[in-house]
């Protein structure tokens, strides 16, 4: 009984000692096949073309296959900007073209307690993924993260202004608030497609000279 009581309170003590937040679960990555030559590896901001099959770990049921369902074509997405589940963003880094991986993704990095479509709530998912092609993303993911000062995955006018100020200073130019305001107006006119006052990661695609 004493042993049971101690075990039952250990998780609470661990959470308290680490500031109330438990470590995020990891994606289990198994490399099924890797090409002999690898000229480039995936990184955040790259556009990836993949074929995949997704299964429920609980019973092995396939819930989707890019080869068998839909138009049966591989799918494009940009790595690291939350276009896909978090498990993919984590599990498909440093991958070579032609590489084949098996990802085991816990619910918190997939569809969580809500589930989605054929995926029940709280499901651990297994994906067989083959990387067909890597392309440069429309713009650097690192640049977006540098600009996103409060890490909320969207850029405010003030964050863009701070970035422009730093860029001017870095290249030896004096900051010019009037000029910056005009640039910011132009940037938001071109990039803020939904006109909500912010530039999201998906809107961060227009090749603006100042950014």
N, C-alpha and C. Protein backbone atom coordinates (compact mmCIF):
# COMPACT_ATOMS: atom_id res chain seq x y z
N UNK A 1 0.83 -1.20 0.00
CA UNK A 1 0.00 0.00 0.00
C UNK A 1 0.87 1.25 0.00
N UNK A 2 1.94 1.23 0.84
CA UNK A 2 2.84 2.38 0.87
C UNK A 2 3.50 2.58 -0.47
N UNK A 3 3.93 1.48 -1.11
CA UNK A 3 4.57 1.57 -2.42
C UNK A 3 3.61 2.17 -3.44
N UNK A 4 2.33 1.74 -3.41
CA UNK A 4 1.34 2.26 -4.34
C UNK A 4 1.15 3.76 -4.14
N UNK A 5 1.11 4.20 -2.89
CA UNK A 5 0.90 5.62 -2.61
C UNK A 5 2.05 6.46 -3.13
N UNK A 6 3.28 5.99 -2.94
CA UNK A 6 4.45 6.72 -3.42
C UNK A 6 4.43 6.83 -4.94
N UNK A 7 4.13 5.72 -5.61
CA UNK A 7 4.10 5.72 -7.07
C UNK A 7 3.03 6.65 -7.61
N UNK A 8 1.90 6.72 -6.88
CA UNK A 8 0.79 7.53 -7.37
C UNK A 8 1.08 9.02 -7.29
N UNK A 9 1.96 9.45 -6.36
CA UNK A 9 2.24 10.89 -6.22
C UNK A 9 3.48 11.31 -6.98
N UNK A 10 4.29 10.36 -7.45
CA UNK A 10 5.52 10.73 -8.17
C UNK A 10 5.25 11.60 -9.39
N UNK A 11 4.27 11.28 -10.24
CA UNK A 11 4.02 12.15 -11.40
C UNK A 11 3.71 13.58 -11.00
N UNK A 12 2.95 13.76 -9.91
CA UNK A 12 2.62 15.11 -9.45
C UNK A 12 3.86 15.85 -8.98
N UNK A 13 4.73 15.14 -8.27
CA UNK A 13 5.96 15.77 -7.79
C UNK A 13 6.85 16.16 -8.96
N UNK A 14 6.92 15.29 -9.98
CA UNK A 14 7.74 15.59 -11.15
C UNK A 14 7.22 16.82 -11.88
N UNK A 15 5.90 16.90 -12.02
CA UNK A 15 5.30 18.06 -12.69
C UNK A 15 5.59 19.33 -11.92
N UNK A 16 5.51 19.25 -10.57
CA UNK A 16 5.78 20.43 -9.76
C UNK A 16 7.23 20.87 -9.89
N UNK A 17 8.16 19.91 -9.88
CA UNK A 17 9.59 20.23 -9.94
C UNK A 17 9.99 20.80 -11.28
N UNK A 18 9.24 20.49 -12.32
CA UNK A 18 9.60 20.98 -13.66
C UNK A 18 8.70 22.13 -14.11
N UNK A 19 8.09 22.81 -13.12
CA UNK A 19 7.29 23.96 -13.47
C UNK A 19 5.90 23.62 -13.95
N UNK A 20 5.41 22.41 -13.62
CA UNK A 20 4.06 22.05 -13.96
C UNK A 20 3.87 21.55 -15.37
N UNK A 21 4.93 21.33 -16.10
CA UNK A 21 4.79 20.89 -17.49
C UNK A 21 5.63 19.65 -17.74
N UNK A 22 4.99 18.57 -18.11
CA UNK A 22 5.70 17.33 -18.40
C UNK A 22 6.34 17.41 -19.78
N UNK A 23 7.43 16.66 -19.98
CA UNK A 23 8.08 16.66 -21.30
C UNK A 23 7.13 16.20 -22.39
N UNK A 24 7.22 16.83 -23.56
CA UNK A 24 6.35 16.45 -24.67
C UNK A 24 6.76 15.08 -25.20
N UNK A 25 5.79 14.22 -25.49
CA UNK A 25 6.12 12.90 -26.05
C UNK A 25 6.87 13.04 -27.37
N UNK A 26 7.66 12.05 -27.68
CA UNK A 26 8.44 12.07 -28.91
C UNK A 26 7.82 11.17 -29.97
N UNK A 27 8.18 11.42 -31.20
CA UNK A 27 7.80 10.55 -32.31
C UNK A 27 8.84 9.44 -32.41
N UNK A 28 8.37 8.21 -32.52
CA UNK A 28 9.30 7.10 -32.75
C UNK A 28 9.58 7.02 -34.25
N UNK A 29 10.85 7.09 -34.62
CA UNK A 29 11.25 7.09 -36.03
C UNK A 29 12.03 5.82 -36.35
N UNK A 30 11.55 5.09 -37.34
CA UNK A 30 12.27 3.92 -37.84
C UNK A 30 12.60 4.15 -39.32
N UNK A 31 13.88 4.08 -39.66
CA UNK A 31 14.28 4.23 -41.06
C UNK A 31 14.18 2.87 -41.73
N UNK A 32 13.23 2.72 -42.64
CA UNK A 32 12.99 1.45 -43.32
C UNK A 32 13.97 1.28 -44.48
N UNK A 33 14.19 2.37 -45.20
CA UNK A 33 15.10 2.32 -46.35
C UNK A 33 15.73 3.69 -46.53
N UNK A 34 17.02 3.70 -46.85
CA UNK A 34 17.72 4.96 -47.05
C UNK A 34 18.56 4.85 -48.32
N UNK A 35 18.58 5.90 -49.16
CA UNK A 35 19.37 5.82 -50.40
C UNK A 35 20.86 5.77 -50.12
N UNK A 36 21.60 5.21 -51.03
CA UNK A 36 23.05 5.11 -50.88
C UNK A 36 23.69 6.49 -50.87
N UNK A 37 23.20 7.38 -51.74
CA UNK A 37 23.71 8.75 -51.80
C UNK A 37 22.63 9.71 -51.30
N UNK A 38 23.04 10.67 -50.47
CA UNK A 38 22.11 11.66 -49.95
C UNK A 38 22.73 13.04 -50.14
N UNK A 39 22.21 13.79 -51.12
CA UNK A 39 22.81 15.08 -51.45
C UNK A 39 22.23 16.23 -50.61
N UNK A 40 21.09 15.98 -50.02
CA UNK A 40 20.44 17.03 -49.24
C UNK A 40 19.47 16.40 -48.26
N UNK A 41 19.37 16.99 -47.06
CA UNK A 41 18.41 16.52 -46.06
C UNK A 41 17.37 17.59 -45.79
N UNK A 42 16.19 17.13 -45.40
CA UNK A 42 15.10 18.05 -45.16
C UNK A 42 15.36 18.93 -43.94
N UNK A 43 14.82 20.15 -44.01
CA UNK A 43 14.88 21.09 -42.89
C UNK A 43 13.60 21.90 -42.89
N UNK A 44 13.33 22.55 -41.76
CA UNK A 44 12.14 23.39 -41.67
C UNK A 44 12.14 24.43 -42.78
N UNK A 45 10.99 24.62 -43.40
CA UNK A 45 10.85 25.57 -44.49
C UNK A 45 10.91 24.93 -45.86
N UNK A 46 11.40 23.68 -45.95
CA UNK A 46 11.44 22.97 -47.24
C UNK A 46 10.04 22.49 -47.62
N UNK A 47 9.80 22.43 -48.94
CA UNK A 47 8.58 21.80 -49.45
C UNK A 47 8.90 20.34 -49.76
N UNK A 48 8.09 19.43 -49.22
CA UNK A 48 8.33 18.00 -49.39
C UNK A 48 7.19 17.36 -50.18
N UNK A 49 7.56 16.42 -51.05
CA UNK A 49 6.59 15.62 -51.78
C UNK A 49 6.68 14.19 -51.24
N UNK A 50 5.58 13.68 -50.71
CA UNK A 50 5.62 12.36 -50.07
C UNK A 50 4.44 11.49 -50.50
N UNK A 51 4.69 10.19 -50.48
CA UNK A 51 3.63 9.18 -50.51
C UNK A 51 3.54 8.62 -49.09
N UNK A 52 2.32 8.30 -48.64
CA UNK A 52 2.19 7.79 -47.27
C UNK A 52 0.97 6.91 -47.10
N UNK A 53 1.07 6.06 -46.09
CA UNK A 53 -0.07 5.29 -45.60
C UNK A 53 -0.18 5.54 -44.11
N UNK A 54 -1.41 5.73 -43.64
CA UNK A 54 -1.63 5.95 -42.22
C UNK A 54 -2.47 4.85 -41.60
N UNK A 55 -2.06 4.37 -40.42
CA UNK A 55 -2.74 3.26 -39.75
C UNK A 55 -3.03 3.61 -38.28
N UNK A 56 -4.07 3.01 -37.74
CA UNK A 56 -4.33 3.08 -36.31
C UNK A 56 -3.47 2.04 -35.62
N UNK A 57 -2.71 2.44 -34.61
CA UNK A 57 -1.86 1.48 -33.90
C UNK A 57 -2.72 0.45 -33.17
N UNK A 58 -3.88 0.85 -32.72
CA UNK A 58 -4.71 -0.03 -31.88
C UNK A 58 -5.15 -1.30 -32.59
N UNK A 59 -5.49 -1.21 -33.88
CA UNK A 59 -5.98 -2.40 -34.59
C UNK A 59 -5.41 -2.57 -36.00
N UNK A 60 -4.49 -1.68 -36.39
CA UNK A 60 -3.84 -1.82 -37.69
C UNK A 60 -4.67 -1.35 -38.86
N UNK A 61 -5.83 -0.74 -38.62
CA UNK A 61 -6.69 -0.28 -39.71
C UNK A 61 -6.05 0.88 -40.46
N UNK A 62 -6.02 0.77 -41.79
CA UNK A 62 -5.53 1.88 -42.60
C UNK A 62 -6.63 2.93 -42.73
N UNK A 63 -6.32 4.19 -42.38
CA UNK A 63 -7.33 5.23 -42.50
C UNK A 63 -7.09 6.12 -43.72
N UNK A 64 -5.90 6.07 -44.29
CA UNK A 64 -5.67 6.79 -45.55
C UNK A 64 -4.39 6.30 -46.21
N UNK A 65 -4.42 6.34 -47.56
CA UNK A 65 -3.25 6.02 -48.37
C UNK A 65 -3.22 6.97 -49.56
N UNK A 66 -2.10 7.68 -49.73
CA UNK A 66 -1.99 8.59 -50.89
C UNK A 66 -1.91 7.80 -52.20
N UNK A 67 -1.52 6.54 -52.12
CA UNK A 67 -1.41 5.71 -53.34
C UNK A 67 -2.75 5.08 -53.73
N UNK A 68 -3.66 4.92 -52.76
CA UNK A 68 -4.91 4.21 -53.03
C UNK A 68 -6.15 5.10 -53.00
N UNK A 69 -6.07 6.22 -52.29
CA UNK A 69 -7.24 7.08 -52.11
C UNK A 69 -7.06 8.40 -52.84
N UNK A 70 -8.17 9.11 -53.03
CA UNK A 70 -8.11 10.41 -53.68
C UNK A 70 -7.64 10.30 -55.11
N UNK A 71 -6.75 11.23 -55.51
CA UNK A 71 -6.22 11.20 -56.89
C UNK A 71 -5.03 10.27 -57.05
N UNK A 72 -4.64 9.60 -55.94
CA UNK A 72 -3.55 8.62 -55.92
C UNK A 72 -2.18 9.23 -56.25
N UNK A 73 -2.07 10.54 -56.07
CA UNK A 73 -0.79 11.23 -56.28
C UNK A 73 -0.13 11.52 -54.94
N UNK A 74 1.21 11.67 -54.92
CA UNK A 74 1.87 12.10 -53.70
C UNK A 74 1.44 13.52 -53.34
N UNK A 75 1.65 13.91 -52.10
CA UNK A 75 1.18 15.22 -51.61
C UNK A 75 2.35 16.13 -51.27
N UNK A 76 2.17 17.43 -51.53
CA UNK A 76 3.15 18.46 -51.18
C UNK A 76 2.73 19.11 -49.86
N UNK A 77 3.71 19.45 -49.04
CA UNK A 77 3.47 20.29 -47.87
C UNK A 77 4.79 20.94 -47.47
N UNK A 78 4.70 22.00 -46.69
CA UNK A 78 5.90 22.70 -46.21
C UNK A 78 6.20 22.24 -44.79
N UNK A 79 7.42 21.80 -44.56
CA UNK A 79 7.81 21.25 -43.26
C UNK A 79 8.01 22.36 -42.23
N UNK A 80 7.39 22.18 -41.07
CA UNK A 80 7.67 23.06 -39.95
C UNK A 80 6.76 24.24 -39.77
N UNK A 81 5.71 24.38 -40.57
CA UNK A 81 4.82 25.53 -40.41
C UNK A 81 3.40 25.10 -40.07
N UNK A 82 3.26 23.90 -39.53
CA UNK A 82 1.98 23.39 -39.05
C UNK A 82 0.95 23.17 -40.16
N UNK A 83 1.42 22.89 -41.35
CA UNK A 83 0.50 22.48 -42.42
C UNK A 83 0.04 21.04 -42.20
N UNK A 84 0.84 20.28 -41.47
CA UNK A 84 0.54 18.88 -41.18
C UNK A 84 0.58 18.69 -39.67
N UNK A 85 0.29 17.48 -39.20
CA UNK A 85 0.33 17.24 -37.75
C UNK A 85 1.75 17.44 -37.22
N UNK A 86 1.83 17.73 -35.95
CA UNK A 86 3.11 18.02 -35.32
C UNK A 86 4.07 16.83 -35.41
N UNK A 87 3.51 15.63 -35.39
CA UNK A 87 4.34 14.43 -35.49
C UNK A 87 5.11 14.36 -36.80
N UNK A 88 4.50 14.83 -37.88
CA UNK A 88 5.20 14.88 -39.16
C UNK A 88 6.29 15.95 -39.14
N UNK A 89 5.97 17.12 -38.62
CA UNK A 89 6.97 18.18 -38.56
C UNK A 89 8.20 17.73 -37.77
N UNK A 90 7.99 16.94 -36.73
CA UNK A 90 9.10 16.45 -35.93
C UNK A 90 9.79 15.25 -36.59
N UNK A 91 8.99 14.35 -37.15
CA UNK A 91 9.52 13.07 -37.60
C UNK A 91 10.13 13.05 -38.99
N UNK A 92 9.94 14.12 -39.78
CA UNK A 92 10.45 14.13 -41.15
C UNK A 92 11.60 15.10 -41.35
N UNK A 93 12.25 15.50 -40.29
CA UNK A 93 13.45 16.33 -40.39
C UNK A 93 14.67 15.45 -40.74
N UNK A 94 15.65 16.09 -41.38
CA UNK A 94 16.91 15.40 -41.72
C UNK A 94 16.68 14.12 -42.52
N UNK A 95 15.78 14.20 -43.48
CA UNK A 95 15.41 13.04 -44.30
C UNK A 95 15.93 13.22 -45.72
N UNK A 96 16.33 12.15 -46.37
CA UNK A 96 16.88 12.21 -47.72
C UNK A 96 15.80 11.85 -48.75
N UNK A 97 15.94 12.41 -49.94
CA UNK A 97 15.06 12.00 -51.04
C UNK A 97 15.23 10.50 -51.30
N UNK A 98 14.11 9.79 -51.40
CA UNK A 98 14.15 8.34 -51.58
C UNK A 98 14.13 7.57 -50.28
N UNK A 99 14.23 8.28 -49.16
CA UNK A 99 14.19 7.61 -47.85
C UNK A 99 12.76 7.22 -47.50
N UNK A 100 12.64 6.11 -46.77
CA UNK A 100 11.35 5.57 -46.35
C UNK A 100 11.39 5.42 -44.84
N UNK A 101 10.45 6.06 -44.16
CA UNK A 101 10.41 6.02 -42.70
C UNK A 101 9.06 5.51 -42.19
N UNK A 102 9.13 4.91 -41.02
CA UNK A 102 7.92 4.56 -40.28
C UNK A 102 7.88 5.44 -39.03
N UNK A 103 6.80 6.21 -38.89
CA UNK A 103 6.63 7.08 -37.73
C UNK A 103 5.52 6.54 -36.84
N UNK A 104 5.79 6.45 -35.55
CA UNK A 104 4.75 6.15 -34.56
C UNK A 104 4.49 7.43 -33.80
N UNK A 105 3.30 7.98 -33.97
CA UNK A 105 2.99 9.33 -33.48
C UNK A 105 1.98 9.25 -32.34
N UNK A 106 2.34 9.73 -31.14
CA UNK A 106 1.40 9.71 -30.02
C UNK A 106 0.25 10.70 -30.25
N UNK A 107 -0.87 10.51 -29.56
CA UNK A 107 -2.05 11.37 -29.79
C UNK A 107 -1.77 12.86 -29.68
N UNK A 108 -0.92 13.26 -28.73
CA UNK A 108 -0.67 14.69 -28.52
C UNK A 108 0.04 15.35 -29.69
N UNK A 109 0.68 14.54 -30.54
CA UNK A 109 1.36 15.07 -31.72
C UNK A 109 0.59 14.74 -33.00
N UNK A 110 -0.63 14.22 -32.81
CA UNK A 110 -1.49 13.89 -33.96
C UNK A 110 -2.81 14.65 -33.81
N UNK A 111 -3.91 13.92 -33.53
CA UNK A 111 -5.22 14.57 -33.46
C UNK A 111 -5.81 14.60 -32.05
N UNK A 112 -4.96 14.29 -31.07
CA UNK A 112 -5.30 14.49 -29.67
C UNK A 112 -6.57 13.82 -29.19
N UNK A 113 -7.24 14.48 -28.24
CA UNK A 113 -8.43 13.92 -27.61
C UNK A 113 -9.66 14.03 -28.50
N UNK A 114 -9.56 14.88 -29.54
CA UNK A 114 -10.74 15.08 -30.39
C UNK A 114 -10.85 14.05 -31.51
N UNK A 115 -9.70 13.59 -32.02
CA UNK A 115 -9.72 12.71 -33.18
C UNK A 115 -10.10 13.48 -34.43
N UNK A 116 -10.22 12.78 -35.55
CA UNK A 116 -10.61 13.43 -36.80
C UNK A 116 -11.06 12.38 -37.81
N UNK A 117 -12.26 12.55 -38.37
CA UNK A 117 -12.76 11.62 -39.37
C UNK A 117 -12.77 10.18 -38.86
N UNK A 118 -12.01 9.31 -39.55
CA UNK A 118 -11.94 7.90 -39.17
C UNK A 118 -11.01 7.64 -38.00
N UNK A 119 -10.36 8.70 -37.50
CA UNK A 119 -9.39 8.54 -36.41
C UNK A 119 -10.07 8.81 -35.08
N UNK A 120 -10.22 7.79 -34.22
CA UNK A 120 -10.89 7.97 -32.93
C UNK A 120 -10.08 8.88 -32.00
N UNK A 121 -10.74 9.49 -31.03
CA UNK A 121 -10.04 10.31 -30.04
C UNK A 121 -8.93 9.53 -29.33
N UNK A 122 -7.82 10.19 -29.07
CA UNK A 122 -6.73 9.58 -28.32
C UNK A 122 -5.97 8.50 -29.05
N UNK A 123 -5.95 8.54 -30.37
CA UNK A 123 -5.31 7.47 -31.15
C UNK A 123 -3.82 7.73 -31.39
N UNK A 124 -3.03 6.69 -31.16
CA UNK A 124 -1.65 6.68 -31.62
C UNK A 124 -1.66 6.22 -33.08
N UNK A 125 -0.94 6.93 -33.92
CA UNK A 125 -0.97 6.66 -35.36
C UNK A 125 0.38 6.17 -35.86
N UNK A 126 0.33 5.32 -36.88
CA UNK A 126 1.54 4.84 -37.54
C UNK A 126 1.49 5.26 -39.00
N UNK A 127 2.59 5.86 -39.46
CA UNK A 127 2.67 6.29 -40.85
C UNK A 127 3.88 5.65 -41.53
N UNK A 128 3.65 5.11 -42.72
CA UNK A 128 4.73 4.70 -43.62
C UNK A 128 4.88 5.82 -44.64
N UNK A 129 6.03 6.47 -44.65
CA UNK A 129 6.21 7.67 -45.48
C UNK A 129 7.44 7.53 -46.36
N UNK A 130 7.27 7.79 -47.64
CA UNK A 130 8.38 7.79 -48.59
C UNK A 130 8.55 9.20 -49.14
N UNK A 131 9.75 9.75 -49.00
CA UNK A 131 10.03 11.10 -49.49
C UNK A 131 10.45 11.03 -50.95
N UNK A 132 9.65 11.68 -51.80
CA UNK A 132 9.88 11.64 -53.24
C UNK A 132 10.75 12.80 -53.74
N UNK A 133 10.58 13.98 -53.11
CA UNK A 133 11.27 15.17 -53.63
C UNK A 133 11.36 16.23 -52.54
N UNK A 134 12.44 17.03 -52.58
CA UNK A 134 12.62 18.18 -51.69
C UNK A 134 12.80 19.42 -52.54
N UNK A 135 12.11 20.49 -52.21
CA UNK A 135 12.30 21.77 -52.89
C UNK A 135 12.46 22.88 -51.87
N UNK A 136 13.14 23.94 -52.27
CA UNK A 136 13.22 25.10 -51.39
C UNK A 136 11.84 25.65 -51.15
N UNK A 137 11.56 26.00 -49.90
CA UNK A 137 10.27 26.59 -49.58
C UNK A 137 10.17 28.00 -50.16
N UNK A 138 8.95 28.55 -50.17
CA UNK A 138 8.75 29.88 -50.75
C UNK A 138 9.53 30.95 -50.04
N UNK A 139 9.82 30.72 -48.78
CA UNK A 139 10.64 31.66 -48.03
C UNK A 139 11.17 30.98 -46.80
N UNK A 140 12.27 31.51 -46.27
CA UNK A 140 12.96 30.87 -45.17
C UNK A 140 12.10 30.77 -43.91
N UNK A 141 11.97 29.56 -43.39
CA UNK A 141 11.29 29.34 -42.11
C UNK A 141 12.04 30.04 -40.99
N UNK A 142 13.38 30.04 -41.07
CA UNK A 142 14.18 30.66 -40.03
C UNK A 142 13.91 32.16 -39.95
N UNK A 143 13.72 32.80 -41.12
CA UNK A 143 13.43 34.23 -41.14
C UNK A 143 12.11 34.50 -40.43
N UNK A 144 11.11 33.69 -40.71
CA UNK A 144 9.81 33.88 -40.05
C UNK A 144 9.96 33.76 -38.54
N UNK A 145 10.68 32.74 -38.07
CA UNK A 145 10.84 32.56 -36.63
C UNK A 145 11.62 33.70 -36.00
N UNK A 146 12.61 34.24 -36.72
CA UNK A 146 13.35 35.40 -36.22
C UNK A 146 12.42 36.61 -36.05
N UNK A 147 11.48 36.77 -36.96
CA UNK A 147 10.56 37.90 -36.92
C UNK A 147 9.46 37.72 -35.89
N UNK A 148 9.08 36.47 -35.64
CA UNK A 148 7.95 36.16 -34.76
C UNK A 148 8.41 36.22 -33.29
N UNK A 149 8.47 37.43 -32.74
CA UNK A 149 9.08 37.66 -31.44
C UNK A 149 8.33 37.00 -30.30
N UNK A 150 7.01 36.92 -30.38
CA UNK A 150 6.24 36.30 -29.29
C UNK A 150 5.86 34.86 -29.57
N UNK A 151 6.40 34.30 -30.67
CA UNK A 151 6.24 32.88 -30.99
C UNK A 151 4.77 32.45 -31.07
N UNK A 152 3.94 33.30 -31.71
CA UNK A 152 2.52 32.95 -31.84
C UNK A 152 2.17 32.54 -33.27
N UNK A 153 3.18 32.33 -34.11
CA UNK A 153 3.01 31.85 -35.48
C UNK A 153 2.26 32.84 -36.37
N UNK A 154 2.40 34.13 -36.07
CA UNK A 154 1.88 35.17 -36.95
C UNK A 154 2.67 36.45 -36.68
N UNK A 155 2.77 37.29 -37.70
CA UNK A 155 3.58 38.49 -37.61
C UNK A 155 2.68 39.72 -37.51
N UNK A 156 2.93 40.53 -36.50
CA UNK A 156 2.23 41.80 -36.35
C UNK A 156 3.00 42.90 -37.06
N UNK A 157 2.38 44.05 -37.22
CA UNK A 157 3.07 45.20 -37.83
C UNK A 157 4.31 45.57 -37.01
N UNK A 158 4.20 45.51 -35.68
CA UNK A 158 5.33 45.88 -34.83
C UNK A 158 6.49 44.91 -35.00
N UNK A 159 6.19 43.62 -35.14
CA UNK A 159 7.26 42.63 -35.33
C UNK A 159 7.97 42.83 -36.67
N UNK A 160 7.21 43.13 -37.71
CA UNK A 160 7.83 43.41 -39.01
C UNK A 160 8.67 44.68 -38.93
N UNK A 161 8.17 45.68 -38.22
CA UNK A 161 8.91 46.94 -38.07
C UNK A 161 10.23 46.72 -37.35
N UNK A 162 10.20 45.91 -36.28
CA UNK A 162 11.44 45.61 -35.54
C UNK A 162 12.44 44.88 -36.43
N UNK A 163 11.95 43.96 -37.26
CA UNK A 163 12.83 43.23 -38.16
C UNK A 163 13.49 44.17 -39.16
N UNK A 164 12.70 45.06 -39.76
CA UNK A 164 13.25 46.00 -40.73
C UNK A 164 14.30 46.91 -40.09
N UNK A 165 14.01 47.34 -38.87
CA UNK A 165 14.96 48.20 -38.14
C UNK A 165 16.30 47.49 -37.94
N UNK A 166 16.24 46.22 -37.52
CA UNK A 166 17.47 45.45 -37.31
C UNK A 166 18.23 45.24 -38.61
N UNK A 167 17.49 44.96 -39.71
CA UNK A 167 18.13 44.75 -41.00
C UNK A 167 18.84 46.02 -41.47
N UNK A 168 18.20 47.17 -41.29
CA UNK A 168 18.82 48.44 -41.68
C UNK A 168 20.09 48.68 -40.86
N UNK A 169 20.01 48.47 -39.56
CA UNK A 169 21.17 48.69 -38.70
C UNK A 169 22.30 47.71 -39.03
N UNK A 170 21.93 46.47 -39.34
CA UNK A 170 22.94 45.45 -39.66
C UNK A 170 23.74 45.82 -40.90
N UNK A 171 23.08 46.49 -41.86
CA UNK A 171 23.75 46.86 -43.10
C UNK A 171 24.25 48.30 -43.10
N UNK A 172 24.27 48.92 -41.90
CA UNK A 172 24.88 50.24 -41.79
C UNK A 172 24.01 51.42 -42.17
N UNK A 173 22.69 51.20 -42.28
CA UNK A 173 21.79 52.29 -42.62
C UNK A 173 21.07 52.80 -41.37
N UNK A 174 20.77 54.08 -41.35
CA UNK A 174 20.04 54.66 -40.23
C UNK A 174 18.56 54.31 -40.36
N UNK A 175 17.92 53.92 -39.27
CA UNK A 175 16.49 53.62 -39.33
C UNK A 175 15.69 54.85 -39.75
N UNK A 176 14.69 54.64 -40.56
CA UNK A 176 13.84 55.72 -41.04
C UNK A 176 12.38 55.30 -40.83
N UNK A 177 11.77 55.81 -39.75
CA UNK A 177 10.43 55.36 -39.37
C UNK A 177 9.40 55.61 -40.46
N UNK A 178 9.50 56.78 -41.11
CA UNK A 178 8.54 57.10 -42.16
C UNK A 178 8.65 56.12 -43.32
N UNK A 179 9.89 55.84 -43.72
CA UNK A 179 10.12 54.89 -44.81
C UNK A 179 9.67 53.49 -44.41
N UNK A 180 9.95 53.10 -43.15
CA UNK A 180 9.56 51.78 -42.68
C UNK A 180 8.05 51.62 -42.67
N UNK A 181 7.34 52.65 -42.25
CA UNK A 181 5.87 52.57 -42.23
C UNK A 181 5.32 52.36 -43.64
N UNK A 182 5.92 53.02 -44.62
CA UNK A 182 5.49 52.84 -46.01
C UNK A 182 5.77 51.41 -46.49
N UNK A 183 6.94 50.87 -46.10
CA UNK A 183 7.28 49.50 -46.46
C UNK A 183 6.30 48.52 -45.82
N UNK A 184 5.99 48.76 -44.54
CA UNK A 184 5.09 47.86 -43.82
C UNK A 184 3.70 47.87 -44.45
N UNK A 185 3.24 49.07 -44.83
CA UNK A 185 1.94 49.16 -45.51
C UNK A 185 1.94 48.31 -46.78
N UNK A 186 3.05 48.39 -47.53
CA UNK A 186 3.15 47.64 -48.78
C UNK A 186 3.21 46.14 -48.51
N UNK A 187 3.98 45.75 -47.50
CA UNK A 187 4.12 44.33 -47.15
C UNK A 187 2.77 43.73 -46.76
N UNK A 188 2.05 44.42 -45.88
CA UNK A 188 0.77 43.89 -45.42
C UNK A 188 -0.28 43.92 -46.52
N UNK A 189 -0.17 44.89 -47.43
CA UNK A 189 -1.09 44.93 -48.56
C UNK A 189 -0.93 43.68 -49.42
N UNK A 190 0.31 43.23 -49.60
CA UNK A 190 0.59 42.09 -50.45
C UNK A 190 0.46 40.74 -49.74
N UNK A 191 0.74 40.70 -48.44
CA UNK A 191 0.84 39.41 -47.75
C UNK A 191 -0.34 39.07 -46.85
N UNK A 192 -0.99 40.07 -46.28
CA UNK A 192 -2.09 39.81 -45.35
C UNK A 192 -3.37 39.56 -46.15
N UNK A 193 -3.46 38.35 -46.71
CA UNK A 193 -4.54 38.03 -47.64
C UNK A 193 -5.92 38.09 -46.98
N UNK A 194 -6.03 37.65 -45.73
CA UNK A 194 -7.34 37.67 -45.08
C UNK A 194 -7.61 39.00 -44.36
N UNK A 195 -6.64 39.93 -44.43
CA UNK A 195 -6.79 41.28 -43.89
C UNK A 195 -7.17 41.28 -42.40
N UNK A 196 -6.54 40.38 -41.64
CA UNK A 196 -6.81 40.33 -40.21
C UNK A 196 -5.78 41.11 -39.40
N UNK A 197 -4.84 41.78 -40.10
CA UNK A 197 -3.84 42.57 -39.40
C UNK A 197 -2.58 41.81 -39.04
N UNK A 198 -2.51 40.54 -39.45
CA UNK A 198 -1.34 39.71 -39.18
C UNK A 198 -0.94 38.95 -40.44
N UNK A 199 0.34 38.54 -40.50
CA UNK A 199 0.83 37.69 -41.58
C UNK A 199 1.08 36.31 -40.99
N UNK A 200 0.31 35.33 -41.43
CA UNK A 200 0.46 33.97 -40.92
C UNK A 200 1.60 33.27 -41.66
N UNK A 201 1.95 32.07 -41.19
CA UNK A 201 3.01 31.31 -41.86
C UNK A 201 2.62 30.99 -43.30
N UNK A 202 1.34 30.72 -43.53
CA UNK A 202 0.90 30.38 -44.88
C UNK A 202 0.87 31.60 -45.80
N UNK A 203 0.65 32.77 -45.21
CA UNK A 203 0.64 33.99 -46.02
C UNK A 203 2.06 34.48 -46.30
N UNK A 204 3.03 33.90 -45.60
CA UNK A 204 4.42 34.34 -45.71
C UNK A 204 5.08 33.75 -46.95
N UNK A 205 4.51 34.04 -48.09
CA UNK A 205 5.00 33.46 -49.34
C UNK A 205 5.34 34.48 -50.41
N UNK A 206 4.80 35.66 -50.26
CA UNK A 206 5.04 36.70 -51.27
C UNK A 206 6.49 37.17 -51.21
N UNK A 207 7.18 37.17 -52.33
CA UNK A 207 8.61 37.51 -52.33
C UNK A 207 8.83 39.01 -52.31
N UNK A 208 8.73 39.58 -51.12
CA UNK A 208 8.88 41.02 -50.95
C UNK A 208 10.35 41.38 -50.75
N UNK A 209 10.82 42.37 -51.48
CA UNK A 209 12.25 42.71 -51.44
C UNK A 209 12.73 43.05 -50.04
N UNK A 210 11.88 43.71 -49.23
CA UNK A 210 12.34 44.18 -47.91
C UNK A 210 12.46 43.04 -46.91
N UNK A 211 11.81 41.91 -47.18
CA UNK A 211 11.89 40.78 -46.25
C UNK A 211 12.78 39.68 -46.78
